[in-house]
């Protein structure tokens, strides 16, 4: 049997290229999620490559990946375009979360280690400390971090992965942005998070399940009201407010 070392010529370069594609993908995805790149806008490969100071190849691969995950779609004569978000999609995300997240959080409260409980306490404390300094995009990520840390100890990797994928969707950011528009939304959110945390620390599974279910249902109702108000105001102004039919040029 040969003892010669395996040659990996080119492997380092290939890995570096893959990491670059991953970074480009994350940059573009974050810009879509936080609204810097808006629904209906084109993703022009040359322009993005120049802005990022790289070649077109990693940008092209990142756009293909974003298309596979539903962030963009191809339009005739326009190319890659950020896919608009519909009210129906937002409601569907809430439906799925309301079915899965209360169960995951309840299971997590029973299985969490002291360190994992401490991490949730830390996330809540940091959010409280930063509450007045955060922009809407930052509030979204702070809120998402609380929910991710909340369900992580449930020890069900499939469930945790599914919930994480919901949080990464553009539609989730849009829904949260509408929820956060109401007066006192940040205070209300943190108050409900604190209630969930208190029950979680006490390992009261059914209380955690009830509070998480209420928390998601409350956000769902607030989002529905915000969407209805948006449509009413647009109708009064003679505009079409539907995100699916009002692309940003």
C-alpha atoms as a PDB file:
ATOM      1  CA  UNK A   1       0.000   0.000   0.000  1.00  0.00           C
ATOM      2  CA  UNK A   2       1.395   3.384  -0.964  1.00  0.00           C
ATOM      3  CA  UNK A   3       2.294   5.762   1.843  1.00  0.00           C
ATOM      4  CA  UNK A   4       2.619   8.759  -0.454  1.00  0.00           C
ATOM      5  CA  UNK A   5       0.675  11.789   0.819  1.00  0.00           C
ATOM      6  CA  UNK A   6      -2.521  12.695  -1.036  1.00  0.00           C
ATOM      7  CA  UNK A   7      -1.965  15.678  -3.312  1.00  0.00           C
ATOM      8  CA  UNK A   8      -4.372  18.575  -2.813  1.00  0.00           C
ATOM      9  CA  UNK A   9      -3.114  20.928  -5.499  1.00  0.00           C
ATOM     10  CA  UNK A  10      -5.705  23.618  -6.086  1.00  0.00           C
ATOM     11  CA  UNK A  11      -7.803  22.634  -3.062  1.00  0.00           C
ATOM     12  CA  UNK A  12      -6.907  25.758  -1.093  1.00  0.00           C
ATOM     13  CA  UNK A  13      -7.788  27.979  -4.030  1.00  0.00           C
ATOM     14  CA  UNK A  14     -11.076  26.147  -4.505  1.00  0.00           C
ATOM     15  CA  UNK A  15     -11.949  26.548  -0.825  1.00  0.00           C
ATOM     16  CA  UNK A  16     -11.104  30.239  -0.920  1.00  0.00           C
ATOM     17  CA  UNK A  17     -13.343  30.690  -3.945  1.00  0.00           C
ATOM     18  CA  UNK A  18     -16.160  28.829  -2.193  1.00  0.00           C
ATOM     19  CA  UNK A  19     -15.803  30.988   0.906  1.00  0.00           C
ATOM     20  CA  UNK A  20     -15.931  34.088  -1.307  1.00  0.00           C
ATOM     21  CA  UNK A  21     -19.167  32.883  -2.907  1.00  0.00           C
ATOM     22  CA  UNK A  22     -20.597  32.263   0.560  1.00  0.00           C
ATOM     23  CA  UNK A  23     -19.666  35.782   1.686  1.00  0.00           C
ATOM     24  CA  UNK A  24     -21.172  37.356  -1.436  1.00  0.00           C
ATOM     25  CA  UNK A  25     -24.321  35.288  -0.976  1.00  0.00           C
ATOM     26  CA  UNK A  26     -24.663  36.425   2.654  1.00  0.00           C
ATOM     27  CA  UNK A  27     -24.046  40.085   1.772  1.00  0.00           C
ATOM     28  CA  UNK A  28     -26.702  40.120  -0.950  1.00  0.00           C
ATOM     29  CA  UNK A  29     -29.175  38.104   1.124  1.00  0.00           C
ATOM     30  CA  UNK A  30     -28.817  40.453   4.092  1.00  0.00           C
ATOM     31  CA  UNK A  31     -29.355  43.459   1.820  1.00  0.00           C
ATOM     32  CA  UNK A  32     -32.555  41.867   0.501  1.00  0.00           C
ATOM     33  CA  UNK A  33     -33.767  40.932   3.969  1.00  0.00           C
ATOM     34  CA  UNK A  34     -33.215  44.330   5.553  1.00  0.00           C
ATOM     35  CA  UNK A  35     -34.657  46.232   2.597  1.00  0.00           C
ATOM     36  CA  UNK A  36     -31.527  47.850   1.143  1.00  0.00           C
ATOM     37  CA  UNK A  37     -32.310  45.874  -2.028  1.00  0.00           C
ATOM     38  CA  UNK A  38     -36.046  46.109  -2.457  1.00  0.00           C
ATOM     39  CA  UNK A  39     -38.646  43.797  -4.027  1.00  0.00           C
ATOM     40  CA  UNK A  40     -38.748  44.282  -7.775  1.00  0.00           C
ATOM     41  CA  UNK A  41     -35.199  45.581  -8.057  1.00  0.00           C
ATOM     42  CA  UNK A  42     -32.830  43.976 -10.540  1.00  0.00           C
ATOM     43  CA  UNK A  43     -29.602  42.339  -9.465  1.00  0.00           C
ATOM     44  CA  UNK A  44     -27.102  43.404 -12.105  1.00  0.00           C
ATOM     45  CA  UNK A  45     -24.046  41.160 -11.904  1.00  0.00           C
ATOM     46  CA  UNK A  46     -21.561  43.689 -13.302  1.00  0.00           C
ATOM     47  CA  UNK A  47     -22.711  46.436 -10.928  1.00  0.00           C
ATOM     48  CA  UNK A  48     -22.630  44.163  -7.882  1.00  0.00           C
ATOM     49  CA  UNK A  49     -19.190  42.836  -8.814  1.00  0.00           C
ATOM     50  CA  UNK A  50     -17.830  46.380  -9.138  1.00  0.00           C
ATOM     51  CA  UNK A  51     -19.403  47.432  -5.845  1.00  0.00           C
ATOM     52  CA  UNK A  52     -17.904  44.438  -4.045  1.00  0.00           C
ATOM     53  CA  UNK A  53     -14.571  44.718  -5.840  1.00  0.00           C
ATOM     54  CA  UNK A  54     -14.615  41.150  -7.168  1.00  0.00           C
ATOM     55  CA  UNK A  55     -15.123  39.273 -10.422  1.00  0.00           C
ATOM     56  CA  UNK A  56     -18.562  38.357 -11.797  1.00  0.00           C
ATOM     57  CA  UNK A  57     -18.164  34.623 -11.159  1.00  0.00           C
ATOM     58  CA  UNK A  58     -18.880  34.554  -7.387  1.00  0.00           C
ATOM     59  CA  UNK A  59     -21.699  37.056  -7.862  1.00  0.00           C
ATOM     60  CA  UNK A  60     -23.251  34.831 -10.519  1.00  0.00           C
ATOM     61  CA  UNK A  61     -23.020  31.765  -8.255  1.00  0.00           C
ATOM     62  CA  UNK A  62     -24.503  33.677  -5.331  1.00  0.00           C
ATOM     63  CA  UNK A  63     -27.433  34.844  -7.472  1.00  0.00           C
ATOM     64  CA  UNK A  64     -28.089  31.272  -8.636  1.00  0.00           C
ATOM     65  CA  UNK A  65     -28.189  30.157  -4.996  1.00  0.00           C
ATOM     66  CA  UNK A  66     -30.534  32.990  -4.040  1.00  0.00           C
ATOM     67  CA  UNK A  67     -32.807  31.956  -6.883  1.00  0.00           C
ATOM     68  CA  UNK A  68     -32.855  28.361  -5.658  1.00  0.00           C
ATOM     69  CA  UNK A  69     -33.892  29.573  -2.212  1.00  0.00           C
ATOM     70  CA  UNK A  70     -36.690  31.784  -3.519  1.00  0.00           C
ATOM     71  CA  UNK A  71     -35.219  35.211  -2.862  1.00  0.00           C
ATOM     72  CA  UNK A  72     -35.127  36.140  -6.538  1.00  0.00           C
ATOM     73  CA  UNK A  73     -36.610  35.021  -9.824  1.00  0.00           C
ATOM     74  CA  UNK A  74     -35.792  35.527 -13.484  1.00  0.00           C
ATOM     75  CA  UNK A  75     -37.932  37.848 -15.582  1.00  0.00           C
ATOM     76  CA  UNK A  76     -37.821  38.126 -19.387  1.00  0.00           C
ATOM     77  CA  UNK A  77     -35.730  41.094 -20.533  1.00  0.00           C
ATOM     78  CA  UNK A  78     -34.918  42.031 -16.903  1.00  0.00           C
ATOM     79  CA  UNK A  79     -32.855  39.139 -15.569  1.00  0.00           C
ATOM     80  CA  UNK A  80     -32.577  38.449 -11.840  1.00  0.00           C
ATOM     81  CA  UNK A  81     -35.175  40.383  -9.859  1.00  0.00           C
ATOM     82  CA  UNK A  82     -35.852  40.366  -6.115  1.00  0.00           C
ATOM     83  CA  UNK A  83     -39.068  38.458  -5.614  1.00  0.00           C
ATOM     84  CA  UNK A  84     -41.876  40.521  -4.069  1.00  0.00           C
ATOM     85  CA  UNK A  85     -43.485  39.377  -0.832  1.00  0.00           C
ATOM     86  CA  UNK A  86     -47.231  38.852  -0.591  1.00  0.00           C
ATOM     87  CA  UNK A  87     -49.513  39.172   2.423  1.00  0.00           C
ATOM     88  CA  UNK A  88     -50.517  35.530   1.909  1.00  0.00           C
ATOM     89  CA  UNK A  89     -46.905  34.403   2.280  1.00  0.00           C
ATOM     90  CA  UNK A  90     -46.500  36.419   5.465  1.00  0.00           C
ATOM     91  CA  UNK A  91     -49.586  34.793   6.960  1.00  0.00           C
ATOM     92  CA  UNK A  92     -48.380  31.342   5.930  1.00  0.00           C
ATOM     93  CA  UNK A  93     -45.077  31.889   7.740  1.00  0.00           C
ATOM     94  CA  UNK A  94     -46.962  32.823  10.904  1.00  0.00           C
ATOM     95  CA  UNK A  95     -49.161  29.742  10.514  1.00  0.00           C
ATOM     96  CA  UNK A  96     -46.154  27.444  10.357  1.00  0.00           C
ATOM     97  CA  UNK A  97     -44.397  29.165  13.246  1.00  0.00           C
ATOM     98  CA  UNK A  98     -47.518  29.017  15.384  1.00  0.00           C
ATOM     99  CA  UNK A  99     -47.715  25.271  14.820  1.00  0.00           C
ATOM    100  CA  UNK A 100     -44.050  24.475  15.452  1.00  0.00           C
ATOM    101  CA  UNK A 101     -42.429  27.071  17.671  1.00  0.00           C
ATOM    102  CA  UNK A 102     -44.534  26.653  20.850  1.00  0.00           C
ATOM    103  CA  UNK A 103     -43.765  22.927  20.838  1.00  0.00           C
ATOM    104  CA  UNK A 104     -40.046  23.492  20.212  1.00  0.00           C
ATOM    105  CA  UNK A 105     -39.804  26.112  22.972  1.00  0.00           C
ATOM    106  CA  UNK A 106     -41.661  23.919  25.474  1.00  0.00           C
ATOM    107  CA  UNK A 107     -39.374  20.986  24.746  1.00  0.00           C
ATOM    108  CA  UNK A 108     -36.344  23.254  25.011  1.00  0.00           C
ATOM    109  CA  UNK A 109     -37.407  24.535  28.424  1.00  0.00           C
ATOM    110  CA  UNK A 110     -37.313  20.984  29.779  1.00  0.00           C
ATOM    111  CA  UNK A 111     -33.990  20.048  28.181  1.00  0.00           C
ATOM    112  CA  UNK A 112     -31.951  23.257  28.360  1.00  0.00           C
ATOM    113  CA  UNK A 113     -28.713  23.272  30.316  1.00  0.00           C
ATOM    114  CA  UNK A 114     -27.934  26.049  32.769  1.00  0.00           C
ATOM    115  CA  UNK A 115     -25.539  27.470  30.170  1.00  0.00           C
ATOM    116  CA  UNK A 116     -28.261  27.533  27.517  1.00  0.00           C
ATOM    117  CA  UNK A 117     -30.668  29.255  29.885  1.00  0.00           C
ATOM    118  CA  UNK A 118     -27.924  31.747  30.682  1.00  0.00           C
ATOM    119  CA  UNK A 119     -27.466  32.465  26.979  1.00  0.00           C
ATOM    120  CA  UNK A 120     -31.182  33.290  26.615  1.00  0.00           C
ATOM    121  CA  UNK A 121     -30.954  35.584  29.654  1.00  0.00           C
ATOM    122  CA  UNK A 122     -27.960  37.300  28.046  1.00  0.00           C
ATOM    123  CA  UNK A 123     -29.775  37.813  24.737  1.00  0.00           C
ATOM    124  CA  UNK A 124     -32.728  39.401  26.525  1.00  0.00           C
ATOM    125  CA  UNK A 125     -30.461  41.606  28.642  1.00  0.00           C
ATOM    126  CA  UNK A 126     -28.572  42.841  25.583  1.00  0.00           C
ATOM    127  CA  UNK A 127     -31.834  43.643  23.811  1.00  0.00           C
ATOM    128  CA  UNK A 128     -33.060  45.638  26.813  1.00  0.00           C
ATOM    129  CA  UNK A 129     -29.798  47.584  26.967  1.00  0.00           C
ATOM    130  CA  UNK A 130     -29.837  48.422  23.254  1.00  0.00           C
ATOM    131  CA  UNK A 131     -33.568  49.021  22.826  1.00  0.00           C
ATOM    132  CA  UNK A 132     -33.284  52.752  22.094  1.00  0.00           C
ATOM    133  CA  UNK A 133     -30.255  52.505  19.796  1.00  0.00           C
ATOM    134  CA  UNK A 134     -31.423  49.875  17.319  1.00  0.00           C
ATOM    135  CA  UNK A 135     -32.694  50.515  13.798  1.00  0.00           C
ATOM    136  CA  UNK A 136     -35.502  48.305  12.390  1.00  0.00           C
ATOM    137  CA  UNK A 137     -33.064  45.887  10.756  1.00  0.00           C
ATOM    138  CA  UNK A 138     -31.144  45.458  14.014  1.00  0.00           C
ATOM    139  CA  UNK A 139     -34.361  44.939  15.962  1.00  0.00           C
ATOM    140  CA  UNK A 140     -35.252  42.154  13.536  1.00  0.00           C
ATOM    141  CA  UNK A 141     -31.963  40.351  14.168  1.00  0.00           C
ATOM    142  CA  UNK A 142     -32.207  40.835  17.946  1.00  0.00           C
ATOM    143  CA  UNK A 143     -35.718  39.396  17.900  1.00  0.00           C
ATOM    144  CA  UNK A 144     -34.612  36.516  15.696  1.00  0.00           C
ATOM    145  CA  UNK A 145     -31.681  35.734  17.999  1.00  0.00           C
ATOM    146  CA  UNK A 146     -34.037  35.441  20.966  1.00  0.00           C
ATOM    147  CA  UNK A 147     -36.230  32.966  19.105  1.00  0.00           C
ATOM    148  CA  UNK A 148     -33.269  30.959  17.786  1.00  0.00           C
ATOM    149  CA  UNK A 149     -31.683  30.653  21.219  1.00  0.00           C
ATOM    150  CA  UNK A 150     -35.102  29.858  22.720  1.00  0.00           C
ATOM    151  CA  UNK A 151     -35.708  26.758  20.585  1.00  0.00           C
ATOM    152  CA  UNK A 152     -32.129  25.510  20.157  1.00  0.00           C
ATOM    153  CA  UNK A 153     -32.139  23.299  23.298  1.00  0.00           C
ATOM    154  CA  UNK A 154     -35.096  21.213  22.066  1.00  0.00           C
ATOM    155  CA  UNK A 155     -32.505  18.748  20.672  1.00  0.00           C
ATOM    156  CA  UNK A 156     -34.435  18.283  17.433  1.00  0.00           C
ATOM    157  CA  UNK A 157     -32.056  19.352  14.668  1.00  0.00           C
ATOM    158  CA  UNK A 158     -34.676  19.022  11.916  1.00  0.00           C
ATOM    159  CA  UNK A 159     -37.132  21.252  13.759  1.00  0.00           C
ATOM    160  CA  UNK A 160     -34.488  23.824  14.678  1.00  0.00           C
ATOM    161  CA  UNK A 161     -33.248  23.894  11.081  1.00  0.00           C
ATOM    162  CA  UNK A 162     -36.759  24.378   9.734  1.00  0.00           C
ATOM    163  CA  UNK A 163     -37.468  27.271  12.083  1.00  0.00           C
ATOM    164  CA  UNK A 164     -34.097  28.838  11.261  1.00  0.00           C
ATOM    165  CA  UNK A 165     -34.887  28.650   7.547  1.00  0.00           C
ATOM    166  CA  UNK A 166     -38.162  30.487   8.159  1.00  0.00           C
ATOM    167  CA  UNK A 167     -36.305  33.296   9.908  1.00  0.00           C
ATOM    168  CA  UNK A 168     -33.921  33.672   6.983  1.00  0.00           C
ATOM    169  CA  UNK A 169     -36.666  34.220   4.448  1.00  0.00           C
ATOM    170  CA  UNK A 170     -37.226  37.693   3.092  1.00  0.00           C
ATOM    171  CA  UNK A 171     -40.942  37.389   3.840  1.00  0.00           C
ATOM    172  CA  UNK A 172     -40.172  37.080   7.566  1.00  0.00           C
ATOM    173  CA  UNK A 173     -38.329  40.392   7.600  1.00  0.00           C
ATOM    174  CA  UNK A 174     -41.175  42.079   5.735  1.00  0.00           C
ATOM    175  CA  UNK A 175     -43.732  40.691   8.182  1.00  0.00           C
ATOM    176  CA  UNK A 176     -41.663  41.808  11.165  1.00  0.00           C
ATOM    177  CA  UNK A 177     -41.183  45.268   9.678  1.00  0.00           C
ATOM    178  CA  UNK A 178     -44.948  45.680   9.446  1.00  0.00           C
ATOM    179  CA  UNK A 179     -45.396  44.395  13.005  1.00  0.00           C
ATOM    180  CA  UNK A 180     -42.715  46.780  14.287  1.00  0.00           C
ATOM    181  CA  UNK A 181     -44.427  49.813  12.748  1.00  0.00           C
ATOM    182  CA  UNK A 182     -47.018  49.970  15.494  1.00  0.00           C
ATOM    183  CA  UNK A 183     -46.411  52.339  18.405  1.00  0.00           C
ATOM    184  CA  UNK A 184     -44.616  50.720  21.325  1.00  0.00           C
ATOM    185  CA  UNK A 185     -43.830  47.568  19.360  1.00  0.00           C
ATOM    186  CA  UNK A 186     -40.304  47.228  20.773  1.00  0.00           C
ATOM    187  CA  UNK A 187     -41.474  47.588  24.380  1.00  0.00           C
ATOM    188  CA  UNK A 188     -44.321  45.170  23.757  1.00  0.00           C
ATOM    189  CA  UNK A 189     -42.004  42.609  22.157  1.00  0.00           C
ATOM    190  CA  UNK A 190     -39.452  42.779  24.968  1.00  0.00           C
ATOM    191  CA  UNK A 191     -42.187  42.504  27.596  1.00  0.00           C
ATOM    192  CA  UNK A 192     -43.524  39.326  25.982  1.00  0.00           C
ATOM    193  CA  UNK A 193     -39.981  37.964  25.606  1.00  0.00           C
ATOM    194  CA  UNK A 194     -39.385  38.556  29.324  1.00  0.00           C
ATOM    195  CA  UNK A 195     -42.523  36.605  30.209  1.00  0.00           C
ATOM    196  CA  UNK A 196     -41.391  33.726  28.030  1.00  0.00           C
ATOM    197  CA  UNK A 197     -37.918  33.867  29.579  1.00  0.00           C
ATOM    198  CA  UNK A 198     -39.290  33.777  33.135  1.00  0.00           C
ATOM    199  CA  UNK A 199     -41.339  30.666  32.348  1.00  0.00           C
ATOM    200  CA  UNK A 200     -38.407  29.115  30.496  1.00  0.00           C
ATOM    201  CA  UNK A 201     -36.045  29.604  33.446  1.00  0.00           C
ATOM    202  CA  UNK A 202     -38.599  27.928  35.717  1.00  0.00           C
ATOM    203  CA  UNK A 203     -38.953  25.069  33.204  1.00  0.00           C
ATOM    204  CA  UNK A 204     -42.734  25.461  33.102  1.00  0.00           C
ATOM    205  CA  UNK A 205     -43.295  23.748  29.772  1.00  0.00           C
ATOM    206  CA  UNK A 206     -47.003  24.396  29.332  1.00  0.00           C
ATOM    207  CA  UNK A 207     -46.605  28.030  30.355  1.00  0.00           C
ATOM    208  CA  UNK A 208     -43.816  28.435  27.797  1.00  0.00           C
ATOM    209  CA  UNK A 209     -45.977  26.778  25.133  1.00  0.00           C
ATOM    210  CA  UNK A 210     -48.919  29.086  25.898  1.00  0.00           C
ATOM    211  CA  UNK A 211     -46.845  32.271  25.951  1.00  0.00           C
ATOM    212  CA  UNK A 212     -44.992  31.515  22.706  1.00  0.00           C
ATOM    213  CA  UNK A 213     -48.269  30.661  20.983  1.00  0.00           C
ATOM    214  CA  UNK A 214     -49.781  33.956  22.180  1.00  0.00           C
ATOM    215  CA  UNK A 215     -46.634  35.882  21.189  1.00  0.00           C
ATOM    216  CA  UNK A 216     -46.727  34.618  17.597  1.00  0.00           C
ATOM    217  CA  UNK A 217     -50.515  34.986  17.314  1.00  0.00           C
ATOM    218  CA  UNK A 218     -50.273  38.557  18.603  1.00  0.00           C
ATOM    219  CA  UNK A 219     -47.620  39.407  16.008  1.00  0.00           C
ATOM    220  CA  UNK A 220     -49.718  37.764  13.305  1.00  0.00           C
ATOM    221  CA  UNK A 221     -52.787  39.842  14.170  1.00  0.00           C
ATOM    222  CA  UNK A 222     -50.718  43.049  14.340  1.00  0.00           C
ATOM    223  CA  UNK A 223     -49.223  42.305  10.924  1.00  0.00           C
ATOM    224  CA  UNK A 224     -52.669  41.671   9.435  1.00  0.00           C
ATOM    225  CA  UNK A 225     -53.903  45.006  10.795  1.00  0.00           C
ATOM    226  CA  UNK A 226     -50.849  46.822   9.446  1.00  0.00           C
ATOM    227  CA  UNK A 227     -51.384  45.266   6.004  1.00  0.00           C
ATOM    228  CA  UNK A 228     -55.061  46.260   6.033  1.00  0.00           C
ATOM    229  CA  UNK A 229     -54.174  49.822   7.017  1.00  0.00           C
ATOM    230  CA  UNK A 230     -51.535  49.980   4.268  1.00  0.00           C
ATOM    231  CA  UNK A 231     -54.045  48.814   1.665  1.00  0.00           C
ATOM    232  CA  UNK A 232     -56.662  51.285   2.902  1.00  0.00           C
ATOM    233  CA  UNK A 233     -54.247  54.222   2.757  1.00  0.00           C
ATOM    234  CA  UNK A 234     -53.056  53.188  -0.693  1.00  0.00           C
ATOM    235  CA  UNK A 235     -56.646  52.867  -1.893  1.00  0.00           C
ATOM    236  CA  UNK A 236     -57.453  56.353  -0.623  1.00  0.00           C
ATOM    237  CA  UNK A 237     -54.425  57.657  -2.489  1.00  0.00           C
ATOM    238  CA  UNK A 238     -55.372  55.782  -5.658  1.00  0.00           C
ATOM    239  CA  UNK A 239     -52.307  53.520  -5.515  1.00  0.00           C
ATOM    240  CA  UNK A 240     -51.760  49.771  -5.681  1.00  0.00           C
ATOM    241  CA  UNK A 241     -50.080  48.786  -2.402  1.00  0.00           C
ATOM    242  CA  UNK A 242     -49.662  45.096  -3.102  1.00  0.00           C
ATOM    243  CA  UNK A 243     -45.983  44.179  -2.826  1.00  0.00           C
ATOM    244  CA  UNK A 244     -46.419  41.608  -5.581  1.00  0.00           C
ATOM    245  CA  UNK A 245     -47.481  44.215  -8.114  1.00  0.00           C
ATOM    246  CA  UNK A 246     -45.558  47.300  -7.077  1.00  0.00           C
ATOM    247  CA  UNK A 247     -41.903  46.619  -7.847  1.00  0.00           C
ATOM    248  CA  UNK A 248     -39.354  49.270  -6.989  1.00  0.00           C
ATOM    249  CA  UNK A 249     -37.464  50.328 -10.152  1.00  0.00           C
END
